[in-house]
Amino acid sequence: MARYTGPVCRLCRREGVKLYLKGERCLSPKCAIDRRATPPGQHGQGRRRTSEYGLQLREKQKARRFYGVMEKQFRAYYESANRRPGITGETLLQTLESRLDNVVYRLGFAASRPEARQLVRHGHFDVNGRRVNIPSYQMKPGDVIVVREKSRKHARIKELLEVAASHTVGPWLELDLENFTGKVVRVPAREEIDTPVSEQMIVEKYSR
């Protein structure tokens, strides 16, 4: 499985926004964006003129890194969204939000999307009664995710579940900590997705 293995704080600095790739660290004074808001590299502090294409590229890269998706897979998501009825940009974001690793993160079962991806890969969750270890698995309305019984004793997961008690989930999700379950109620509306990207610029880039 291809994935980025370099320093993730570098990605946040490059995009100029918090991508929340390191969980609690992103909310602390140690966050790279709070300490150094300039892009990485020796030319990061210089003034750079950005073309229209450059702005579109940055929005695409920002969305891709926000959800931890590689280029080929992101392009496939876009092409799938473009074939479906509705607004292509919104459909693209809804597809990304419906990934299993993102749902795990949104429910508070993980502190970051990279951690959610790792927990899913290690098989800590069941979906509709079946063990699923594919982070890109598409969750649909009505799907129920459950923390596996053996996994509830895992030290890190116990810690995360305690924090999840004070976690607020989106209106398109339901969380039942007493039964260690979460449910996808419906597809999220655009205003319920807090991803800091302009999806229209992504559509314009791929429409060139």
N, C-alpha and C. Protein backbone atom coordinates (compact mmCIF):
# COMPACT_ATOMS: atom_id res chain seq x y z
N MET A 1 0.84 -1.19 0.00
CA MET A 1 0.00 0.00 0.00
C MET A 1 0.88 1.24 0.00
N ALA A 2 0.77 2.07 -1.03
CA ALA A 2 1.57 3.28 -1.13
C ALA A 2 1.07 4.31 -0.14
N ARG A 3 2.00 4.98 0.53
CA ARG A 3 1.63 6.04 1.46
C ARG A 3 2.83 6.93 1.70
N TYR A 4 2.57 8.15 2.14
CA TYR A 4 3.63 9.09 2.43
C TYR A 4 4.27 8.73 3.77
N THR A 5 5.60 8.68 3.82
CA THR A 5 6.30 8.28 5.04
C THR A 5 7.24 9.37 5.55
N GLY A 6 7.18 10.55 4.94
CA GLY A 6 8.06 11.63 5.39
C GLY A 6 7.46 12.41 6.55
N PRO A 7 8.11 13.52 6.95
CA PRO A 7 7.61 14.34 8.06
C PRO A 7 6.29 15.02 7.69
N VAL A 8 5.22 14.73 8.43
CA VAL A 8 3.90 15.23 8.05
C VAL A 8 3.73 16.71 8.37
N CYS A 9 4.45 17.23 9.37
CA CYS A 9 4.35 18.66 9.67
C CYS A 9 4.82 19.51 8.49
N ARG A 10 5.70 18.94 7.70
CA ARG A 10 6.18 19.62 6.50
C ARG A 10 5.03 19.84 5.52
N LEU A 11 4.11 18.89 5.46
CA LEU A 11 2.97 19.02 4.55
C LEU A 11 2.05 20.16 4.99
N CYS A 12 1.83 20.27 6.30
CA CYS A 12 0.99 21.36 6.80
C CYS A 12 1.60 22.72 6.46
N ARG A 13 2.91 22.84 6.65
CA ARG A 13 3.58 24.11 6.34
C ARG A 13 3.53 24.41 4.85
N ARG A 14 3.63 23.38 4.04
CA ARG A 14 3.58 23.61 2.58
C ARG A 14 2.22 24.11 2.14
N GLU A 15 1.16 23.58 2.75
CA GLU A 15 -0.19 23.99 2.35
C GLU A 15 -0.66 25.22 3.11
N GLY A 16 0.03 25.58 4.19
CA GLY A 16 -0.32 26.78 4.92
C GLY A 16 -1.53 26.65 5.84
N VAL A 17 -2.00 25.42 6.08
CA VAL A 17 -3.14 25.19 6.97
C VAL A 17 -2.86 23.94 7.79
N LYS A 18 -3.56 23.80 8.91
CA LYS A 18 -3.45 22.59 9.72
C LYS A 18 -4.21 21.46 9.04
N LEU A 19 -3.50 20.38 8.78
CA LEU A 19 -4.12 19.20 8.20
C LEU A 19 -4.47 18.17 9.26
N TYR A 20 -4.11 18.45 10.50
CA TYR A 20 -4.42 17.59 11.65
C TYR A 20 -3.95 16.15 11.42
N LEU A 21 -2.66 16.04 11.09
CA LEU A 21 -2.08 14.73 10.79
C LEU A 21 -1.37 14.12 12.00
N LYS A 22 -1.24 14.89 13.09
CA LYS A 22 -0.54 14.37 14.27
C LYS A 22 -1.38 14.43 15.54
N GLY A 23 -2.69 14.46 15.38
CA GLY A 23 -3.58 14.38 16.53
C GLY A 23 -3.41 15.52 17.51
N GLU A 24 -3.15 15.18 18.79
CA GLU A 24 -3.09 16.17 19.86
C GLU A 24 -2.00 17.22 19.63
N ARG A 25 -0.92 16.84 18.96
CA ARG A 25 0.18 17.79 18.73
C ARG A 25 -0.30 19.00 17.92
N CYS A 26 -1.25 18.77 17.00
CA CYS A 26 -1.75 19.85 16.16
C CYS A 26 -2.50 20.90 16.97
N LEU A 27 -2.96 20.53 18.16
CA LEU A 27 -3.70 21.46 19.02
C LEU A 27 -2.83 22.08 20.10
N SER A 28 -1.55 21.72 20.11
CA SER A 28 -0.63 22.21 21.13
C SER A 28 0.27 23.31 20.55
N PRO A 29 1.01 24.02 21.40
CA PRO A 29 1.94 25.05 20.92
C PRO A 29 3.07 24.48 20.07
N LYS A 30 3.24 23.17 20.06
CA LYS A 30 4.30 22.55 19.28
C LYS A 30 3.94 22.43 17.80
N CYS A 31 2.71 22.77 17.44
CA CYS A 31 2.27 22.66 16.05
C CYS A 31 3.18 23.46 15.13
N ALA A 32 3.59 22.85 14.03
CA ALA A 32 4.54 23.49 13.11
C ALA A 32 3.98 24.76 12.50
N ILE A 33 2.67 24.79 12.24
CA ILE A 33 2.05 25.98 11.65
C ILE A 33 2.12 27.16 12.62
N ASP A 34 1.93 26.90 13.89
CA ASP A 34 1.98 27.96 14.89
C ASP A 34 3.41 28.46 15.11
N ARG A 35 4.37 27.56 14.95
CA ARG A 35 5.77 27.94 15.19
C ARG A 35 6.41 28.56 13.96
N ARG A 36 6.15 27.97 12.79
CA ARG A 36 6.72 28.49 11.54
C ARG A 36 5.66 28.33 10.45
N ALA A 37 5.03 29.42 10.10
CA ALA A 37 3.93 29.36 9.14
C ALA A 37 4.40 29.42 7.68
N THR A 38 5.71 29.56 7.49
CA THR A 38 6.23 29.66 6.12
C THR A 38 6.40 28.27 5.51
N PRO A 39 6.35 28.18 4.17
CA PRO A 39 6.57 26.88 3.51
C PRO A 39 7.97 26.36 3.80
N PRO A 40 8.16 25.04 3.78
CA PRO A 40 9.48 24.47 4.08
C PRO A 40 10.47 24.76 2.96
N GLY A 41 11.75 24.63 3.26
CA GLY A 41 12.78 24.85 2.25
C GLY A 41 13.43 26.21 2.38
N GLN A 42 14.60 26.37 1.76
CA GLN A 42 15.36 27.61 1.91
C GLN A 42 14.69 28.80 1.25
N HIS A 43 13.74 28.55 0.32
CA HIS A 43 13.06 29.65 -0.35
C HIS A 43 11.66 29.87 0.20
N GLY A 44 11.36 29.24 1.33
CA GLY A 44 10.00 29.30 1.86
C GLY A 44 9.55 30.69 2.26
N GLN A 45 10.52 31.53 2.69
CA GLN A 45 10.14 32.86 3.16
C GLN A 45 10.11 33.90 2.04
N GLY A 46 10.51 33.50 0.85
CA GLY A 46 10.51 34.44 -0.26
C GLY A 46 9.11 34.68 -0.80
N ARG A 47 8.94 35.78 -1.50
CA ARG A 47 7.65 36.10 -2.10
C ARG A 47 7.56 35.37 -3.44
N ARG A 48 6.45 34.68 -3.63
CA ARG A 48 6.29 33.90 -4.86
C ARG A 48 4.97 34.27 -5.52
N ARG A 49 5.01 34.47 -6.81
CA ARG A 49 3.79 34.73 -7.57
C ARG A 49 3.18 33.39 -7.94
N THR A 50 1.89 33.26 -7.70
CA THR A 50 1.20 32.00 -7.95
C THR A 50 0.21 32.18 -9.09
N SER A 51 0.30 31.31 -10.09
CA SER A 51 -0.61 31.36 -11.23
C SER A 51 -1.94 30.74 -10.86
N GLU A 52 -2.90 30.85 -11.76
CA GLU A 52 -4.21 30.23 -11.54
C GLU A 52 -4.06 28.72 -11.42
N TYR A 53 -3.23 28.14 -12.27
CA TYR A 53 -2.98 26.71 -12.20
C TYR A 53 -2.34 26.33 -10.87
N GLY A 54 -1.41 27.19 -10.40
CA GLY A 54 -0.74 26.92 -9.13
C GLY A 54 -1.73 26.91 -7.96
N LEU A 55 -2.70 27.81 -7.98
CA LEU A 55 -3.72 27.84 -6.93
C LEU A 55 -4.59 26.58 -6.98
N GLN A 56 -4.94 26.17 -8.18
CA GLN A 56 -5.74 24.95 -8.33
C GLN A 56 -4.96 23.72 -7.86
N LEU A 57 -3.67 23.68 -8.17
CA LEU A 57 -2.83 22.57 -7.75
C LEU A 57 -2.74 22.50 -6.22
N ARG A 58 -2.59 23.65 -5.59
CA ARG A 58 -2.49 23.68 -4.14
C ARG A 58 -3.77 23.18 -3.47
N GLU A 59 -4.94 23.52 -4.03
CA GLU A 59 -6.20 23.05 -3.47
C GLU A 59 -6.32 21.53 -3.61
N LYS A 60 -5.88 21.03 -4.76
CA LYS A 60 -5.92 19.57 -4.96
C LYS A 60 -4.98 18.86 -4.00
N GLN A 61 -3.77 19.37 -3.86
CA GLN A 61 -2.79 18.77 -2.96
C GLN A 61 -3.27 18.84 -1.50
N LYS A 62 -3.90 19.97 -1.16
CA LYS A 62 -4.40 20.15 0.20
C LYS A 62 -5.45 19.08 0.52
N ALA A 63 -6.40 18.89 -0.39
CA ALA A 63 -7.45 17.89 -0.17
C ALA A 63 -6.87 16.48 -0.12
N ARG A 64 -5.93 16.20 -1.01
CA ARG A 64 -5.32 14.87 -1.07
C ARG A 64 -4.57 14.55 0.22
N ARG A 65 -3.84 15.52 0.72
CA ARG A 65 -3.06 15.30 1.94
C ARG A 65 -3.95 15.32 3.18
N PHE A 66 -5.03 16.07 3.15
CA PHE A 66 -5.96 16.13 4.27
C PHE A 66 -6.54 14.74 4.56
N TYR A 67 -6.87 14.01 3.48
CA TYR A 67 -7.46 12.68 3.64
C TYR A 67 -6.44 11.55 3.52
N GLY A 68 -5.19 11.89 3.24
CA GLY A 68 -4.15 10.86 3.15
C GLY A 68 -4.29 9.96 1.95
N VAL A 69 -4.65 10.55 0.79
CA VAL A 69 -4.87 9.77 -0.43
C VAL A 69 -3.76 10.06 -1.43
N MET A 70 -3.27 9.02 -2.07
CA MET A 70 -2.23 9.20 -3.08
C MET A 70 -2.84 9.71 -4.39
N GLU A 71 -1.98 10.20 -5.29
CA GLU A 71 -2.44 10.88 -6.51
C GLU A 71 -3.33 10.01 -7.39
N LYS A 72 -2.93 8.79 -7.65
CA LYS A 72 -3.70 7.92 -8.54
C LYS A 72 -5.09 7.64 -7.97
N GLN A 73 -5.16 7.40 -6.68
CA GLN A 73 -6.45 7.12 -6.05
C GLN A 73 -7.33 8.36 -6.02
N PHE A 74 -6.72 9.52 -5.79
CA PHE A 74 -7.50 10.76 -5.76
C PHE A 74 -8.09 11.04 -7.14
N ARG A 75 -7.31 10.79 -8.18
CA ARG A 75 -7.81 10.99 -9.55
C ARG A 75 -8.98 10.05 -9.83
N ALA A 76 -8.90 8.83 -9.34
CA ALA A 76 -9.99 7.87 -9.52
C ALA A 76 -11.25 8.33 -8.80
N TYR A 77 -11.10 8.91 -7.60
CA TYR A 77 -12.25 9.47 -6.87
C TYR A 77 -12.90 10.58 -7.68
N TYR A 78 -12.05 11.44 -8.27
CA TYR A 78 -12.60 12.55 -9.06
C TYR A 78 -13.37 12.04 -10.27
N GLU A 79 -12.79 11.10 -11.00
CA GLU A 79 -13.44 10.58 -12.20
C GLU A 79 -14.76 9.89 -11.86
N SER A 80 -14.80 9.20 -10.71
CA SER A 80 -16.04 8.57 -10.26
C SER A 80 -17.09 9.63 -9.92
N ALA A 81 -16.67 10.69 -9.23
CA ALA A 81 -17.59 11.76 -8.87
C ALA A 81 -18.10 12.49 -10.11
N ASN A 82 -17.25 12.62 -11.11
CA ASN A 82 -17.62 13.32 -12.34
C ASN A 82 -18.67 12.55 -13.14
N ARG A 83 -18.69 11.25 -12.99
CA ARG A 83 -19.67 10.42 -13.72
C ARG A 83 -21.02 10.37 -13.02
N ARG A 84 -21.05 10.72 -11.75
CA ARG A 84 -22.29 10.62 -10.98
C ARG A 84 -23.09 11.91 -11.08
N PRO A 85 -24.41 11.83 -10.92
CA PRO A 85 -25.24 13.04 -10.97
C PRO A 85 -24.95 13.94 -9.77
N GLY A 86 -25.23 15.23 -9.93
CA GLY A 86 -24.98 16.17 -8.85
C GLY A 86 -23.76 17.04 -9.12
N ILE A 87 -23.39 17.82 -8.12
CA ILE A 87 -22.24 18.72 -8.24
C ILE A 87 -20.96 17.92 -8.00
N THR A 88 -20.09 17.91 -8.99
CA THR A 88 -18.90 17.05 -8.95
C THR A 88 -18.03 17.30 -7.71
N GLY A 89 -17.77 18.56 -7.39
CA GLY A 89 -16.91 18.87 -6.26
C GLY A 89 -17.48 18.39 -4.93
N GLU A 90 -18.78 18.59 -4.74
CA GLU A 90 -19.41 18.14 -3.50
C GLU A 90 -19.42 16.61 -3.43
N THR A 91 -19.69 15.97 -4.56
CA THR A 91 -19.70 14.51 -4.59
C THR A 91 -18.32 13.95 -4.26
N LEU A 92 -17.28 14.63 -4.75
CA LEU A 92 -15.91 14.22 -4.46
C LEU A 92 -15.63 14.26 -2.96
N LEU A 93 -15.99 15.36 -2.31
CA LEU A 93 -15.76 15.49 -0.87
C LEU A 93 -16.60 14.49 -0.08
N GLN A 94 -17.82 14.24 -0.52
CA GLN A 94 -18.68 13.27 0.16
C GLN A 94 -18.09 11.86 0.06
N THR A 95 -17.49 11.56 -1.09
CA THR A 95 -16.84 10.25 -1.26
C THR A 95 -15.65 10.11 -0.33
N LEU A 96 -14.85 11.16 -0.21
CA LEU A 96 -13.69 11.14 0.67
C LEU A 96 -14.11 11.03 2.14
N GLU A 97 -15.19 11.74 2.50
CA GLU A 97 -15.69 11.68 3.87
C GLU A 97 -16.22 10.30 4.22
N SER A 98 -16.67 9.55 3.21
CA SER A 98 -17.28 8.24 3.45
C SER A 98 -16.27 7.11 3.57
N ARG A 99 -14.98 7.42 3.42
CA ARG A 99 -13.95 6.41 3.63
C ARG A 99 -14.01 5.90 5.07
N LEU A 100 -13.74 4.62 5.26
CA LEU A 100 -13.81 4.04 6.59
C LEU A 100 -12.85 4.72 7.57
N ASP A 101 -11.62 4.99 7.13
CA ASP A 101 -10.66 5.62 8.05
C ASP A 101 -11.12 7.01 8.48
N ASN A 102 -11.76 7.75 7.56
CA ASN A 102 -12.27 9.07 7.92
C ASN A 102 -13.44 8.98 8.89
N VAL A 103 -14.32 7.99 8.69
CA VAL A 103 -15.46 7.81 9.60
C VAL A 103 -14.96 7.44 11.00
N VAL A 104 -13.95 6.59 11.07
CA VAL A 104 -13.35 6.23 12.36
C VAL A 104 -12.83 7.48 13.06
N TYR A 105 -12.16 8.34 12.30
CA TYR A 105 -11.64 9.60 12.86
C TYR A 105 -12.77 10.52 13.28
N ARG A 106 -13.78 10.68 12.45
CA ARG A 106 -14.90 11.56 12.76
C ARG A 106 -15.68 11.11 13.99
N LEU A 107 -15.73 9.81 14.23
CA LEU A 107 -16.43 9.28 15.40
C LEU A 107 -15.63 9.45 16.69
N GLY A 108 -14.34 9.79 16.55
CA GLY A 108 -13.50 9.96 17.73
C GLY A 108 -12.79 8.70 18.16
N PHE A 109 -12.83 7.66 17.31
CA PHE A 109 -12.14 6.42 17.63
C PHE A 109 -10.65 6.50 17.34
N ALA A 110 -10.19 7.62 16.79
CA ALA A 110 -8.77 7.85 16.52
C ALA A 110 -8.50 9.34 16.63
N ALA A 111 -7.27 9.70 16.98
CA ALA A 111 -6.92 11.11 17.18
C ALA A 111 -6.57 11.81 15.87
N SER A 112 -6.29 11.05 14.83
CA SER A 112 -5.94 11.63 13.53
C SER A 112 -6.30 10.62 12.45
N ARG A 113 -6.34 11.08 11.22
CA ARG A 113 -6.65 10.15 10.12
C ARG A 113 -5.53 9.12 9.92
N PRO A 114 -4.25 9.50 10.02
CA PRO A 114 -3.21 8.47 9.93
C PRO A 114 -3.36 7.39 10.99
N GLU A 115 -3.72 7.79 12.22
CA GLU A 115 -3.92 6.80 13.27
C GLU A 115 -5.14 5.94 12.97
N ALA A 116 -6.20 6.56 12.45
CA ALA A 116 -7.40 5.81 12.08
C ALA A 116 -7.08 4.78 11.01
N ARG A 117 -6.25 5.18 10.05
CA ARG A 117 -5.86 4.26 8.97
C ARG A 117 -5.10 3.06 9.54
N GLN A 118 -4.22 3.32 10.49
CA GLN A 118 -3.45 2.23 11.09
C GLN A 118 -4.34 1.29 11.88
N LEU A 119 -5.28 1.84 12.64
CA LEU A 119 -6.18 1.01 13.43
C LEU A 119 -7.06 0.14 12.53
N VAL A 120 -7.51 0.72 11.42
CA VAL A 120 -8.32 -0.06 10.47
C VAL A 120 -7.49 -1.17 9.86
N ARG A 121 -6.26 -0.85 9.45
CA ARG A 121 -5.39 -1.86 8.83
C ARG A 121 -5.10 -3.01 9.79
N HIS A 122 -5.07 -2.72 11.08
CA HIS A 122 -4.80 -3.76 12.07
C HIS A 122 -6.05 -4.53 12.47
N GLY A 123 -7.18 -4.22 11.84
CA GLY A 123 -8.39 -5.01 12.02
C GLY A 123 -9.11 -4.82 13.33
N HIS A 124 -9.15 -3.59 13.84
CA HIS A 124 -9.80 -3.33 15.13
C HIS A 124 -11.30 -3.05 15.00
N PHE A 125 -11.84 -3.04 13.78
CA PHE A 125 -13.24 -2.66 13.60
C PHE A 125 -14.01 -3.66 12.73
N ASP A 126 -15.29 -3.80 13.07
CA ASP A 126 -16.24 -4.56 12.25
C ASP A 126 -17.20 -3.57 11.60
N VAL A 127 -17.58 -3.86 10.37
CA VAL A 127 -18.60 -3.07 9.68
C VAL A 127 -19.73 -4.01 9.31
N ASN A 128 -20.91 -3.73 9.85
CA ASN A 128 -22.09 -4.57 9.61
C ASN A 128 -21.82 -6.04 9.97
N GLY A 129 -21.06 -6.22 11.07
CA GLY A 129 -20.81 -7.57 11.57
C GLY A 129 -19.65 -8.28 10.92
N ARG A 130 -18.95 -7.64 10.00
CA ARG A 130 -17.81 -8.27 9.33
C ARG A 130 -16.55 -7.44 9.56
N ARG A 131 -15.44 -8.13 9.78
CA ARG A 131 -14.17 -7.44 9.98
C ARG A 131 -13.72 -6.81 8.67
N VAL A 132 -13.40 -5.52 8.73
CA VAL A 132 -12.94 -4.79 7.54
C VAL A 132 -11.62 -4.11 7.88
N ASN A 133 -10.60 -4.37 7.08
CA ASN A 133 -9.28 -3.76 7.33
C ASN A 133 -8.79 -2.97 6.12
N ILE A 134 -9.73 -2.42 5.36
CA ILE A 134 -9.41 -1.62 4.18
C ILE A 134 -9.77 -0.16 4.47
N PRO A 135 -8.80 0.73 4.66
CA PRO A 135 -9.09 2.13 5.02
C PRO A 135 -9.99 2.85 4.02
N SER A 136 -9.90 2.49 2.73
CA SER A 136 -10.67 3.18 1.70
C SER A 136 -12.08 2.62 1.53
N TYR A 137 -12.45 1.64 2.35
CA TYR A 137 -13.79 1.04 2.26
C TYR A 137 -14.84 2.14 2.33
N GLN A 138 -15.79 2.13 1.39
CA GLN A 138 -16.82 3.16 1.33
C GLN A 138 -18.00 2.83 2.23
N MET A 139 -18.20 3.67 3.24
CA MET A 139 -19.33 3.52 4.14
C MET A 139 -20.59 4.11 3.51
N LYS A 140 -21.71 3.45 3.70
CA LYS A 140 -22.98 3.89 3.14
C LYS A 140 -23.97 4.18 4.27
N PRO A 141 -25.00 4.99 3.99
CA PRO A 141 -26.01 5.26 5.02
C PRO A 141 -26.59 3.95 5.56
N GLY A 142 -26.64 3.85 6.86
CA GLY A 142 -27.14 2.63 7.51
C GLY A 142 -26.05 1.70 7.97
N ASP A 143 -24.82 1.90 7.50
CA ASP A 143 -23.70 1.04 7.92
C ASP A 143 -23.34 1.31 9.38
N VAL A 144 -23.04 0.23 10.10
CA VAL A 144 -22.69 0.32 11.52
C VAL A 144 -21.27 -0.18 11.72
N ILE A 145 -20.47 0.62 12.41
CA ILE A 145 -19.08 0.25 12.71
C ILE A 145 -18.97 -0.04 14.20
N VAL A 146 -18.29 -1.13 14.53
CA VAL A 146 -18.17 -1.58 15.92
C VAL A 146 -16.70 -1.83 16.25
N VAL A 147 -16.27 -1.37 17.42
CA VAL A 147 -14.93 -1.70 17.90
C VAL A 147 -14.95 -3.16 18.34
N ARG A 148 -14.08 -3.97 17.78
CA ARG A 148 -14.08 -5.40 18.09
C ARG A 148 -13.84 -5.62 19.59
N GLU A 149 -14.44 -6.70 20.11
CA GLU A 149 -14.41 -6.95 21.55
C GLU A 149 -12.99 -7.05 22.09
N LYS A 150 -12.12 -7.77 21.39
CA LYS A 150 -10.74 -7.91 21.86
C LYS A 150 -10.01 -6.56 21.83
N SER A 151 -10.36 -5.73 20.86
CA SER A 151 -9.68 -4.44 20.70
C SER A 151 -10.02 -3.46 21.81
N ARG A 152 -11.16 -3.65 22.46
CA ARG A 152 -11.58 -2.73 23.52
C ARG A 152 -10.64 -2.76 24.71
N LYS A 153 -9.84 -3.82 24.82
CA LYS A 153 -8.89 -3.95 25.92
C LYS A 153 -7.52 -3.35 25.57
N HIS A 154 -7.35 -2.98 24.32
CA HIS A 154 -6.09 -2.38 23.87
C HIS A 154 -5.89 -1.03 24.56
N ALA A 155 -4.70 -0.79 25.11
CA ALA A 155 -4.44 0.41 25.91
C ALA A 155 -4.74 1.69 25.15
N ARG A 156 -4.25 1.79 23.91
CA ARG A 156 -4.46 3.02 23.14
C ARG A 156 -5.93 3.22 22.79
N ILE A 157 -6.62 2.15 22.44
CA ILE A 157 -8.04 2.26 22.08
C ILE A 157 -8.87 2.63 23.31
N LYS A 158 -8.51 2.09 24.49
CA LYS A 158 -9.21 2.46 25.71
C LYS A 158 -9.04 3.96 25.99
N GLU A 159 -7.84 4.44 25.75
CA GLU A 159 -7.57 5.86 25.95
C GLU A 159 -8.40 6.72 24.98
N LEU A 160 -8.46 6.27 23.71
CA LEU A 160 -9.22 7.00 22.71
C LEU A 160 -10.72 7.00 23.01
N LEU A 161 -11.23 5.87 23.49
CA LEU A 161 -12.66 5.78 23.80
C LEU A 161 -13.02 6.69 24.97
N GLU A 162 -12.11 6.87 25.91
CA GLU A 162 -12.36 7.78 27.02
C GLU A 162 -12.45 9.22 26.51
N VAL A 163 -11.58 9.57 25.58
CA VAL A 163 -11.61 10.92 25.01
C VAL A 163 -12.85 11.11 24.15
N ALA A 164 -13.27 10.05 23.47
CA ALA A 164 -14.43 10.13 22.58
C ALA A 164 -15.71 10.46 23.33
N ALA A 165 -15.72 10.24 24.64
CA ALA A 165 -16.92 10.54 25.44
C ALA A 165 -17.28 12.02 25.36
N SER A 166 -16.27 12.88 25.18
CA SER A 166 -16.52 14.32 25.08
C SER A 166 -16.43 14.81 23.64
N HIS A 167 -16.39 13.87 22.70
CA HIS A 167 -16.24 14.20 21.28
C HIS A 167 -17.60 14.48 20.65
N THR A 168 -17.70 15.52 19.86
CA THR A 168 -18.94 15.86 19.16
C THR A 168 -18.86 15.38 17.72
N VAL A 169 -19.77 14.53 17.33
CA VAL A 169 -19.77 14.01 15.95
C VAL A 169 -20.71 14.83 15.09
N GLY A 170 -20.49 14.75 13.78
CA GLY A 170 -21.35 15.47 12.85
C GLY A 170 -22.76 14.92 12.85
N PRO A 171 -23.74 15.72 12.39
CA PRO A 171 -25.14 15.26 12.38
C PRO A 171 -25.40 14.10 11.43
N TRP A 172 -24.44 13.77 10.58
CA TRP A 172 -24.63 12.65 9.66
C TRP A 172 -24.14 11.33 10.25
N LEU A 173 -23.64 11.41 11.51
CA LEU A 173 -23.15 10.22 12.21
C LEU A 173 -23.86 10.08 13.56
N GLU A 174 -23.89 8.84 14.06
CA GLU A 174 -24.39 8.56 15.40
C GLU A 174 -23.32 7.79 16.16
N LEU A 175 -23.10 8.16 17.42
CA LEU A 175 -22.09 7.51 18.25
C LEU A 175 -22.75 6.93 19.49
N ASP A 176 -22.51 5.66 19.75
CA ASP A 176 -23.04 4.97 20.93
C ASP A 176 -21.85 4.33 21.65
N LEU A 177 -21.26 5.07 22.60
CA LEU A 177 -20.07 4.58 23.28
C LEU A 177 -20.36 3.43 24.22
N GLU A 178 -21.58 3.35 24.71
CA GLU A 178 -21.93 2.25 25.61
C GLU A 178 -21.80 0.90 24.91
N ASN A 179 -22.11 0.89 23.62
CA ASN A 179 -22.02 -0.34 22.83
C ASN A 179 -20.82 -0.33 21.88
N PHE A 180 -19.96 0.70 22.02
CA PHE A 180 -18.74 0.81 21.20
C PHE A 180 -19.07 0.83 19.70
N THR A 181 -20.14 1.52 19.33
CA THR A 181 -20.58 1.53 17.93
C THR A 181 -20.74 2.94 17.40
N GLY A 182 -20.70 3.04 16.10
CA GLY A 182 -21.01 4.27 15.39
C GLY A 182 -21.80 3.92 14.15
N LYS A 183 -22.60 4.85 13.68
CA LYS A 183 -23.46 4.58 12.53
C LYS A 183 -23.45 5.76 11.57
N VAL A 184 -23.44 5.44 10.28
CA VAL A 184 -23.57 6.47 9.25
C VAL A 184 -25.06 6.65 8.98
N VAL A 185 -25.59 7.80 9.36
CA VAL A 185 -27.03 8.04 9.22
C VAL A 185 -27.38 8.42 7.79
N ARG A 186 -26.54 9.27 7.19
CA ARG A 186 -26.80 9.74 5.83
C ARG A 186 -25.51 10.29 5.23
N VAL A 187 -25.58 10.67 3.97
CA VAL A 187 -24.43 11.29 3.31
C VAL A 187 -24.30 12.72 3.83
N PRO A 188 -23.10 13.16 4.20
CA PRO A 188 -22.95 14.52 4.75
C PRO A 188 -23.23 15.60 3.71
N ALA A 189 -23.87 16.67 4.13
CA ALA A 189 -24.06 17.83 3.27
C ALA A 189 -22.76 18.63 3.21
N ARG A 190 -22.61 19.46 2.18
CA ARG A 190 -21.36 20.21 2.01
C ARG A 190 -21.06 21.09 3.22
N GLU A 191 -22.08 21.74 3.79
CA GLU A 191 -21.84 22.61 4.93
C GLU A 191 -21.44 21.85 6.19
N GLU A 192 -21.59 20.54 6.18
CA GLU A 192 -21.21 19.72 7.32
C GLU A 192 -19.78 19.17 7.19
N ILE A 193 -19.14 19.47 6.08
CA ILE A 193 -17.77 19.01 5.84
C ILE A 193 -16.83 20.18 6.05
N ASP A 194 -15.96 20.09 7.06
CA ASP A 194 -15.11 21.22 7.41
C ASP A 194 -13.75 21.20 6.72
N THR A 195 -13.62 20.43 5.67
CA THR A 195 -12.35 20.37 4.93
C THR A 195 -12.04 21.74 4.33
N PRO A 196 -10.89 22.35 4.65
CA PRO A 196 -10.58 23.72 4.21
C PRO A 196 -10.08 23.79 2.77
N VAL A 197 -10.91 23.36 1.82
CA VAL A 197 -10.51 23.39 0.42
C VAL A 197 -11.63 23.97 -0.42
N SER A 198 -11.25 24.47 -1.58
CA SER A 198 -12.23 24.92 -2.58
C SER A 198 -12.36 23.81 -3.61
N GLU A 199 -13.42 23.02 -3.49
CA GLU A 199 -13.58 21.87 -4.39
C GLU A 199 -13.77 22.30 -5.84
N GLN A 200 -14.30 23.51 -6.06
CA GLN A 200 -14.50 23.97 -7.43
C GLN A 200 -13.17 24.16 -8.15
N MET A 201 -12.14 24.60 -7.43
CA MET A 201 -10.83 24.78 -8.04
C MET A 201 -10.22 23.43 -8.40
N ILE A 202 -10.54 22.40 -7.62
CA ILE A 202 -10.06 21.05 -7.95
C ILE A 202 -10.72 20.57 -9.23
N VAL A 203 -12.02 20.83 -9.36
CA VAL A 203 -12.74 20.45 -10.57
C VAL A 203 -12.17 21.18 -11.78
N GLU A 204 -11.89 22.48 -11.62
CA GLU A 204 -11.33 23.24 -12.71
C GLU A 204 -9.98 22.73 -13.14
N LYS A 205 -9.16 22.27 -12.18
CA LYS A 205 -7.84 21.73 -12.53
C LYS A 205 -7.98 20.48 -13.38
N TYR A 206 -8.84 19.56 -12.97
CA TYR A 206 -8.99 18.32 -13.71
C TYR A 206 -9.76 18.51 -15.01
N SER A 207 -10.45 19.63 -15.16
CA SER A 207 -11.22 19.89 -16.38
C SER A 207 -10.40 20.54 -17.47
N ARG A 208 -9.15 20.83 -17.17
CA ARG A 208 -8.29 21.49 -18.18
C ARG A 208 -8.08 20.60 -19.41
